[in-house]
Amino acid sequence: MTATTERFVAAEPKPNEAPLQLKEIVRSIPKAYFEKDAAKAWKHVAISISAVIAGYCAIIFLPSFLLPFTWFFTGTALTGFFVVGHDAGHRSFAKRRWVNDVVGHIAFLPLIYPFHPWRILHDHHHLHTNKIEEDNAWYPWYADDFARAHPAMKVLYKAARGWFWWLGSIGHWAVLHFDLRNFKVRDRSKALFSMALVVGFAAIFFPVLIATTGFWGFVKFWLIPWMVYHFWMSTFTIVHHTIPEISFQPEAQWSAGDAQLAGTVHCSYPRWIEFLCHDINVHVPHHVSTGIPSYHLRAVHANLKENWGEHIVERKFNWALIKSIATECHLYHPEKSYQSFKEAGF
């Protein structure tokens, strides 16, 4: 077993190429796209509630051989709940903070996601997007760190960076969001409140669900749709920042403008998925500014393409894209962004 030890060494910048300035990019976006529209925000809530109700009606009333399809639809619709809470967490859902907090907590409850812990850690991701060892979403390990890791951690990391990427979000949810040590002292009371709320909800909801529908009802009505939701969470987040051409950078070489504009992938999915998930995959504008509500993302993306198009990375969701991520994007490489486990000698 060998390991690449070229640590904290980045590729040389191109001659005369200055880092992109994030403030300049933000200033190029019309101010109207930062404005909150209550009617559009609550329309997204209505769409998600209606879609989830329709999904559960389909699970209940359609023939059982259609369950894989109804599960997939319902889990995708539940992802819309997350996106509503996502806007609330970024304070782009409503003008009043308390409304954002209430909406965020309620939207996250069926997903058993503690709102404030997610909000705080997600803000950290936005501040350090694609900064290696600092970003808390999918940054690649150095090869020498992988070589020294515990065998169990190697197995888990290999799975999450390979064909079991779709479980990565569950690990992220479980490991990071219920541990008070991950939060500053000033944030712990809020984090604890959100944790207690989801634990209390689960302590009531799950026993009632099992008592009324049996253990199969728990699996049928909650667990599998929840796993579909995490499939999309894992897929969306890894594709947002992980393709062979996009590099995570050590802090000394990291640039906010480059990371947020050119280090984020715009990926096109089937339209029904985009509709149910409120265009969360129009992701470049969201990283340029978290203050842009989800219903303005497509218009801002068009504006950014007009002004900064040569820096924007676009892909289409397909097998080839997922295969390239699962087979190539494993460990950090200072010159070509990534190396596979095989290339690194593992």
Protein backbone atom coordinates (compact mmCIF):
# COMPACT_ATOMS: atom_id res chain seq x y z
CA MET A 1 0.00 0.00 0.00
CA THR A 2 1.36 3.40 -0.95
CA ALA A 3 0.13 6.91 -0.30
CA THR A 4 0.60 10.28 -1.88
CA THR A 5 2.25 12.61 0.64
CA GLU A 6 2.10 15.89 -1.32
CA ARG A 7 0.22 17.73 1.38
CA PHE A 8 -0.83 21.40 1.36
CA VAL A 9 0.57 21.80 -2.13
CA ALA A 10 -1.75 23.22 -4.75
CA ALA A 11 -1.46 23.53 -8.47
CA GLU A 12 0.19 26.74 -9.65
CA PRO A 13 -2.34 29.43 -10.68
CA LYS A 14 -2.61 30.27 -14.32
CA PRO A 15 -0.48 33.26 -15.39
CA ASN A 16 -2.21 36.64 -14.92
CA GLU A 17 -5.33 34.98 -13.55
CA ALA A 18 -6.53 36.87 -10.47
CA PRO A 19 -8.96 35.21 -8.03
CA LEU A 20 -12.61 36.01 -8.57
CA GLN A 21 -13.96 38.59 -6.12
CA LEU A 22 -17.16 37.40 -4.48
CA LYS A 23 -18.35 40.93 -3.67
CA GLU A 24 -18.06 41.88 -7.32
CA ILE A 25 -20.09 38.85 -8.36
CA VAL A 26 -22.81 39.64 -5.83
CA ARG A 27 -22.97 43.28 -6.97
CA SER A 28 -23.64 42.13 -10.54
CA ILE A 29 -26.96 40.53 -9.48
CA PRO A 30 -30.06 42.80 -9.66
CA LYS A 31 -31.29 43.70 -6.18
CA ALA A 32 -34.82 42.53 -7.03
CA TYR A 33 -33.64 38.93 -6.84
CA PHE A 34 -32.80 39.30 -3.16
CA GLU A 35 -36.32 40.41 -2.26
CA LYS A 36 -38.58 38.00 -0.38
CA ASP A 37 -42.05 37.28 -1.73
CA ALA A 38 -44.34 35.76 0.90
CA ALA A 39 -46.82 34.45 -1.67
CA LYS A 40 -44.11 32.56 -3.57
CA ALA A 41 -42.56 31.24 -0.36
CA TRP A 42 -45.85 29.88 0.96
CA LYS A 43 -46.67 28.51 -2.49
CA HIS A 44 -43.63 26.26 -2.10
CA VAL A 45 -44.99 25.12 1.27
CA ALA A 46 -48.36 24.33 -0.31
CA ILE A 47 -46.72 22.41 -3.18
CA SER A 48 -44.68 20.30 -0.77
CA ILE A 49 -47.59 19.53 1.57
CA SER A 50 -49.83 18.63 -1.38
CA ALA A 51 -47.17 16.43 -2.97
CA VAL A 52 -46.45 14.58 0.29
CA ILE A 53 -50.17 13.99 0.89
CA ALA A 54 -50.53 12.70 -2.67
CA GLY A 55 -47.54 10.44 -2.15
CA TYR A 56 -48.91 8.90 1.03
CA CYS A 57 -52.33 8.45 -0.54
CA ALA A 58 -50.60 6.58 -3.36
CA ILE A 59 -48.73 4.38 -0.86
CA ILE A 60 -52.00 3.56 0.91
CA PHE A 61 -54.39 3.09 -1.98
CA LEU A 62 -52.38 1.99 -5.02
CA PRO A 63 -51.50 -1.69 -5.55
CA SER A 64 -48.52 -2.90 -3.54
CA PHE A 65 -46.48 -3.71 -6.64
CA LEU A 66 -46.31 0.07 -7.24
CA LEU A 67 -44.71 0.71 -3.86
CA PRO A 68 -41.20 1.32 -5.28
CA PHE A 69 -42.63 4.14 -7.39
CA THR A 70 -44.82 5.63 -4.67
CA TRP A 71 -41.94 5.46 -2.18
CA PHE A 72 -39.65 7.22 -4.62
CA PHE A 73 -42.20 9.95 -5.31
CA THR A 74 -43.00 10.47 -1.63
CA GLY A 75 -39.34 10.62 -0.60
CA THR A 76 -38.68 13.15 -3.33
CA ALA A 77 -41.66 15.22 -2.17
CA LEU A 78 -40.31 15.10 1.40
CA THR A 79 -37.09 16.61 0.05
CA GLY A 80 -39.20 19.66 -0.72
CA PHE A 81 -39.82 19.99 3.04
CA PHE A 82 -36.07 20.14 3.51
CA VAL A 83 -35.74 22.87 0.86
CA VAL A 84 -38.41 24.98 2.59
CA GLY A 85 -36.48 24.58 5.85
CA HIS A 86 -33.27 25.29 3.96
CA ASP A 87 -34.59 28.70 2.88
CA ALA A 88 -35.75 29.33 6.44
CA GLY A 89 -32.31 28.44 7.76
CA HIS A 90 -30.72 31.00 5.45
CA ARG A 91 -33.35 33.57 6.50
CA SER A 92 -34.49 33.82 2.88
CA PHE A 93 -37.98 32.39 3.49
CA ALA A 94 -39.48 35.23 5.55
CA LYS A 95 -38.47 38.69 6.70
CA ARG A 96 -38.99 37.89 10.39
CA ARG A 97 -36.48 35.61 12.07
CA TRP A 98 -39.05 33.95 14.29
CA VAL A 99 -41.11 32.95 11.24
CA ASN A 100 -38.01 31.40 9.67
CA ASP A 101 -37.29 29.49 12.88
CA VAL A 102 -40.85 28.18 13.25
CA VAL A 103 -41.12 27.16 9.60
CA GLY A 104 -37.66 25.58 9.66
CA HIS A 105 -38.38 23.49 12.74
CA ILE A 106 -41.75 22.29 11.45
CA ALA A 107 -40.41 21.47 7.98
CA PHE A 108 -37.53 19.46 9.46
CA LEU A 109 -39.57 17.52 12.05
CA PRO A 110 -40.80 14.70 9.74
CA LEU A 111 -37.18 14.26 8.61
CA ILE A 112 -35.95 14.02 12.25
CA TYR A 113 -33.49 16.79 11.45
CA PRO A 114 -32.60 19.27 14.21
CA PHE A 115 -33.01 22.69 12.63
CA HIS A 116 -30.52 24.90 14.47
CA PRO A 117 -27.66 22.37 14.39
CA TRP A 118 -28.17 21.94 10.65
CA ARG A 119 -28.43 25.72 10.13
CA ILE A 120 -25.22 26.45 12.04
CA LEU A 121 -23.17 23.70 10.39
CA HIS A 122 -24.56 24.54 6.96
CA ASP A 123 -23.56 28.18 7.36
CA HIS A 124 -20.04 26.89 8.08
CA HIS A 125 -20.15 24.99 4.78
CA HIS A 126 -21.04 28.21 2.94
CA LEU A 127 -18.25 30.16 4.59
CA HIS A 128 -15.67 27.51 3.68
CA THR A 129 -17.01 25.95 0.49
CA ASN A 130 -14.44 23.59 -1.08
CA LYS A 131 -11.80 24.49 1.51
CA ILE A 132 -10.14 21.20 2.31
CA GLU A 133 -10.33 20.04 5.95
CA GLU A 134 -12.63 22.98 6.77
CA ASP A 135 -15.71 22.46 4.60
CA ASN A 136 -17.96 19.95 6.37
CA ALA A 137 -19.58 18.58 3.20
CA TRP A 138 -17.76 15.93 1.15
CA TYR A 139 -14.19 17.26 1.28
CA PRO A 140 -11.74 14.57 0.10
CA TRP A 141 -9.18 13.11 2.48
CA TYR A 142 -5.47 13.36 1.89
CA ALA A 143 -4.00 10.01 0.90
CA ASP A 144 -1.63 9.92 3.87
CA ASP A 145 -4.54 10.57 6.26
CA PHE A 146 -6.44 7.70 4.69
CA ALA A 147 -3.41 5.44 5.06
CA ARG A 148 -3.27 6.17 8.81
CA ALA A 149 -7.01 5.87 9.42
CA HIS A 150 -8.60 3.08 11.46
CA PRO A 151 -9.64 0.14 9.24
CA ALA A 152 -13.32 0.72 10.04
CA MET A 153 -13.06 4.35 8.99
CA LYS A 154 -11.37 3.28 5.77
CA VAL A 155 -14.28 0.98 4.97
CA LEU A 156 -16.84 3.71 5.71
CA TYR A 157 -14.97 6.35 3.74
CA LYS A 158 -14.50 4.03 0.75
CA ALA A 159 -18.21 3.23 0.78
CA ALA A 160 -19.31 6.86 1.05
CA ARG A 161 -16.94 7.98 -1.72
CA GLY A 162 -17.89 5.04 -3.93
CA TRP A 163 -21.07 3.22 -4.83
CA PHE A 164 -22.69 3.81 -1.44
CA TRP A 165 -22.56 7.61 -1.81
CA TRP A 166 -26.34 7.62 -1.38
CA LEU A 167 -25.94 6.76 2.33
CA GLY A 168 -23.49 9.59 2.99
CA SER A 169 -26.17 12.04 4.07
CA ILE A 170 -27.40 9.67 6.78
CA GLY A 171 -23.92 9.54 8.30
CA HIS A 172 -23.64 13.33 8.08
CA TRP A 173 -27.03 13.70 9.80
CA ALA A 174 -26.26 11.25 12.59
CA VAL A 175 -22.64 12.11 13.36
CA LEU A 176 -22.64 15.89 13.19
CA HIS A 177 -26.05 17.20 14.17
CA PHE A 178 -26.64 15.56 17.55
CA ASP A 179 -23.26 16.28 19.13
CA LEU A 180 -23.13 19.51 21.17
CA ARG A 181 -19.33 19.51 20.93
CA ASN A 182 -19.71 20.57 17.28
CA PHE A 183 -21.16 23.92 18.35
CA LYS A 184 -19.79 27.00 20.06
CA VAL A 185 -20.97 27.63 23.61
CA ARG A 186 -23.13 30.55 22.49
CA ASP A 187 -25.03 28.29 20.06
CA ARG A 188 -25.53 25.27 22.28
CA SER A 189 -28.83 26.30 23.84
CA LYS A 190 -30.42 26.68 20.40
CA ALA A 191 -28.86 23.45 19.19
CA LEU A 192 -30.09 21.61 22.28
CA PHE A 193 -33.61 22.97 21.82
CA SER A 194 -33.77 21.64 18.24
CA MET A 195 -32.33 18.28 19.26
CA ALA A 196 -34.85 17.95 22.08
CA LEU A 197 -37.70 18.88 19.74
CA VAL A 198 -36.92 16.18 17.16
CA VAL A 199 -36.19 13.56 19.84
CA GLY A 200 -39.51 14.40 21.50
CA PHE A 201 -41.32 14.24 18.17
CA ALA A 202 -39.75 10.87 17.36
CA ALA A 203 -40.54 9.54 20.85
CA ILE A 204 -44.24 10.21 20.22
CA PHE A 205 -44.56 9.72 16.46
CA PHE A 206 -42.72 6.41 16.02
CA PRO A 207 -44.49 4.48 18.81
CA VAL A 208 -47.88 5.76 17.61
CA LEU A 209 -47.06 4.82 14.02
CA ILE A 210 -45.91 1.33 15.02
CA ALA A 211 -48.87 0.81 17.38
CA THR A 212 -51.37 1.70 14.65
CA THR A 213 -49.71 0.22 11.55
CA GLY A 214 -47.20 -2.30 12.89
CA PHE A 215 -43.47 -2.40 12.26
CA TRP A 216 -44.13 -2.81 8.53
CA GLY A 217 -46.11 0.43 8.69
CA PHE A 218 -43.07 2.17 10.19
CA VAL A 219 -40.94 0.87 7.32
CA LYS A 220 -43.56 1.51 4.66
CA PHE A 221 -44.72 4.96 5.68
CA TRP A 222 -41.60 6.51 7.16
CA LEU A 223 -38.31 4.63 6.85
CA ILE A 224 -38.20 3.99 3.11
CA PRO A 225 -39.47 7.47 2.07
CA TRP A 226 -36.94 8.91 4.54
CA MET A 227 -34.16 6.89 2.89
CA VAL A 228 -35.26 8.17 -0.52
CA TYR A 229 -35.03 11.69 0.88
CA HIS A 230 -31.48 10.93 2.03
CA PHE A 231 -30.68 9.46 -1.38
CA TRP A 232 -31.47 12.85 -2.86
CA MET A 233 -29.67 14.73 -0.09
CA SER A 234 -26.55 12.65 -0.66
CA THR A 235 -26.78 12.90 -4.43
CA PHE A 236 -27.53 16.61 -4.54
CA THR A 237 -24.79 17.59 -2.12
CA ILE A 238 -22.03 15.43 -3.57
CA VAL A 239 -22.81 16.54 -7.13
CA HIS A 240 -22.94 20.20 -6.05
CA HIS A 241 -19.23 20.17 -5.22
CA THR A 242 -17.68 16.98 -6.54
CA ILE A 243 -16.69 16.25 -10.11
CA PRO A 244 -13.21 15.31 -11.37
CA GLU A 245 -12.60 18.83 -12.69
CA ILE A 246 -13.37 20.76 -9.48
CA SER A 247 -10.69 21.06 -6.83
CA PHE A 248 -10.91 21.50 -3.10
CA GLN A 249 -8.12 23.85 -2.01
CA PRO A 250 -5.96 24.29 1.10
CA GLU A 251 -6.67 27.55 2.92
CA ALA A 252 -3.56 29.32 1.57
CA GLN A 253 -4.74 28.86 -2.03
CA TRP A 254 -8.49 29.14 -1.37
CA SER A 255 -10.54 32.01 -2.85
CA ALA A 256 -14.15 32.67 -1.88
CA GLY A 257 -15.10 33.93 -5.33
CA ASP A 258 -13.59 30.96 -7.13
CA ALA A 259 -15.05 28.47 -4.66
CA GLN A 260 -18.60 29.84 -4.69
CA LEU A 261 -18.90 30.51 -8.43
CA ALA A 262 -16.56 28.04 -10.14
CA GLY A 263 -16.43 25.42 -7.39
CA THR A 264 -20.15 24.72 -7.38
CA VAL A 265 -21.88 22.57 -10.00
CA HIS A 266 -25.17 23.42 -11.66
CA CYS A 267 -26.75 20.03 -12.37
CA SER A 268 -29.96 19.59 -14.34
CA TYR A 269 -32.37 16.88 -13.15
CA PRO A 270 -35.72 15.74 -14.60
CA ARG A 271 -38.19 18.61 -14.35
CA TRP A 272 -40.56 16.85 -11.93
CA ILE A 273 -37.69 16.46 -9.46
CA GLU A 274 -36.69 20.11 -9.85
CA PHE A 275 -40.34 21.08 -9.26
CA LEU A 276 -40.78 18.99 -6.10
CA CYS A 277 -37.38 20.11 -4.76
CA HIS A 278 -37.95 23.81 -5.51
CA ASP A 279 -34.94 24.25 -7.82
CA ILE A 280 -32.40 23.57 -5.08
CA ASN A 281 -30.08 22.19 -7.76
CA VAL A 282 -29.80 25.59 -9.38
CA HIS A 283 -27.03 25.82 -6.88
CA VAL A 284 -24.48 28.34 -8.15
CA PRO A 285 -26.60 31.42 -7.25
CA HIS A 286 -27.26 29.99 -3.80
CA HIS A 287 -23.53 29.81 -3.15
CA VAL A 288 -22.86 33.26 -4.51
CA SER A 289 -25.39 34.55 -1.97
CA THR A 290 -27.50 32.59 0.50
CA GLY A 291 -29.86 35.57 0.64
CA ILE A 292 -31.42 34.63 -2.71
CA PRO A 293 -34.76 32.82 -2.18
CA SER A 294 -35.20 29.52 -4.03
CA TYR A 295 -37.90 30.94 -6.33
CA HIS A 296 -35.35 33.42 -7.78
CA LEU A 297 -32.56 30.91 -8.37
CA ARG A 298 -33.28 30.24 -12.06
CA ALA A 299 -33.42 33.93 -12.94
CA VAL A 300 -30.18 34.61 -11.06
CA HIS A 301 -28.50 31.65 -12.74
CA ALA A 302 -29.36 33.14 -16.13
CA ASN A 303 -27.95 36.49 -14.99
CA LEU A 304 -24.72 34.88 -13.75
CA LYS A 305 -24.31 32.99 -17.02
CA GLU A 306 -24.61 36.25 -18.90
CA ASN A 307 -21.97 37.99 -16.78
CA TRP A 308 -19.73 35.16 -15.57
CA GLY A 309 -20.56 32.31 -17.90
CA GLU A 310 -16.98 31.18 -18.54
CA HIS A 311 -16.62 30.32 -14.84
CA ILE A 312 -19.87 28.39 -14.38
CA VAL A 313 -19.79 24.58 -14.40
CA GLU A 314 -22.91 22.80 -15.67
CA ARG A 315 -23.72 19.10 -15.85
CA LYS A 316 -26.72 16.88 -16.51
CA PHE A 317 -27.69 14.21 -14.03
CA ASN A 318 -27.01 10.84 -15.62
CA TRP A 319 -25.20 7.55 -15.09
CA ALA A 320 -21.93 8.82 -16.58
CA LEU A 321 -21.80 11.70 -14.07
CA ILE A 322 -22.43 9.47 -11.05
CA LYS A 323 -19.98 6.85 -12.33
CA SER A 324 -17.21 9.42 -12.70
CA ILE A 325 -17.75 10.65 -9.13
CA ALA A 326 -17.99 7.15 -7.64
CA THR A 327 -14.91 5.79 -9.43
CA GLU A 328 -12.58 8.81 -9.66
CA CYS A 329 -13.27 11.35 -6.90
CA HIS A 330 -11.84 9.59 -3.87
CA LEU A 331 -8.73 11.29 -2.47
CA TYR A 332 -7.21 14.75 -2.80
CA HIS A 333 -4.57 15.31 -5.45
CA PRO A 334 -2.71 18.65 -5.61
CA GLU A 335 -2.46 18.81 -9.40
CA LYS A 336 -5.50 17.05 -10.85
CA SER A 337 -8.01 17.66 -8.03
CA TYR A 338 -8.69 14.00 -7.28
CA GLN A 339 -7.16 10.56 -7.43
CA SER A 340 -8.94 7.24 -7.13
CA PHE A 341 -8.18 4.73 -4.38
CA LYS A 342 -6.57 2.53 -7.02
CA GLU A 343 -4.33 5.34 -8.27
CA ALA A 344 -3.22 6.06 -4.70
CA GLY A 345 -2.34 2.40 -4.15
CA PHE A 346 -5.24 1.40 -1.89
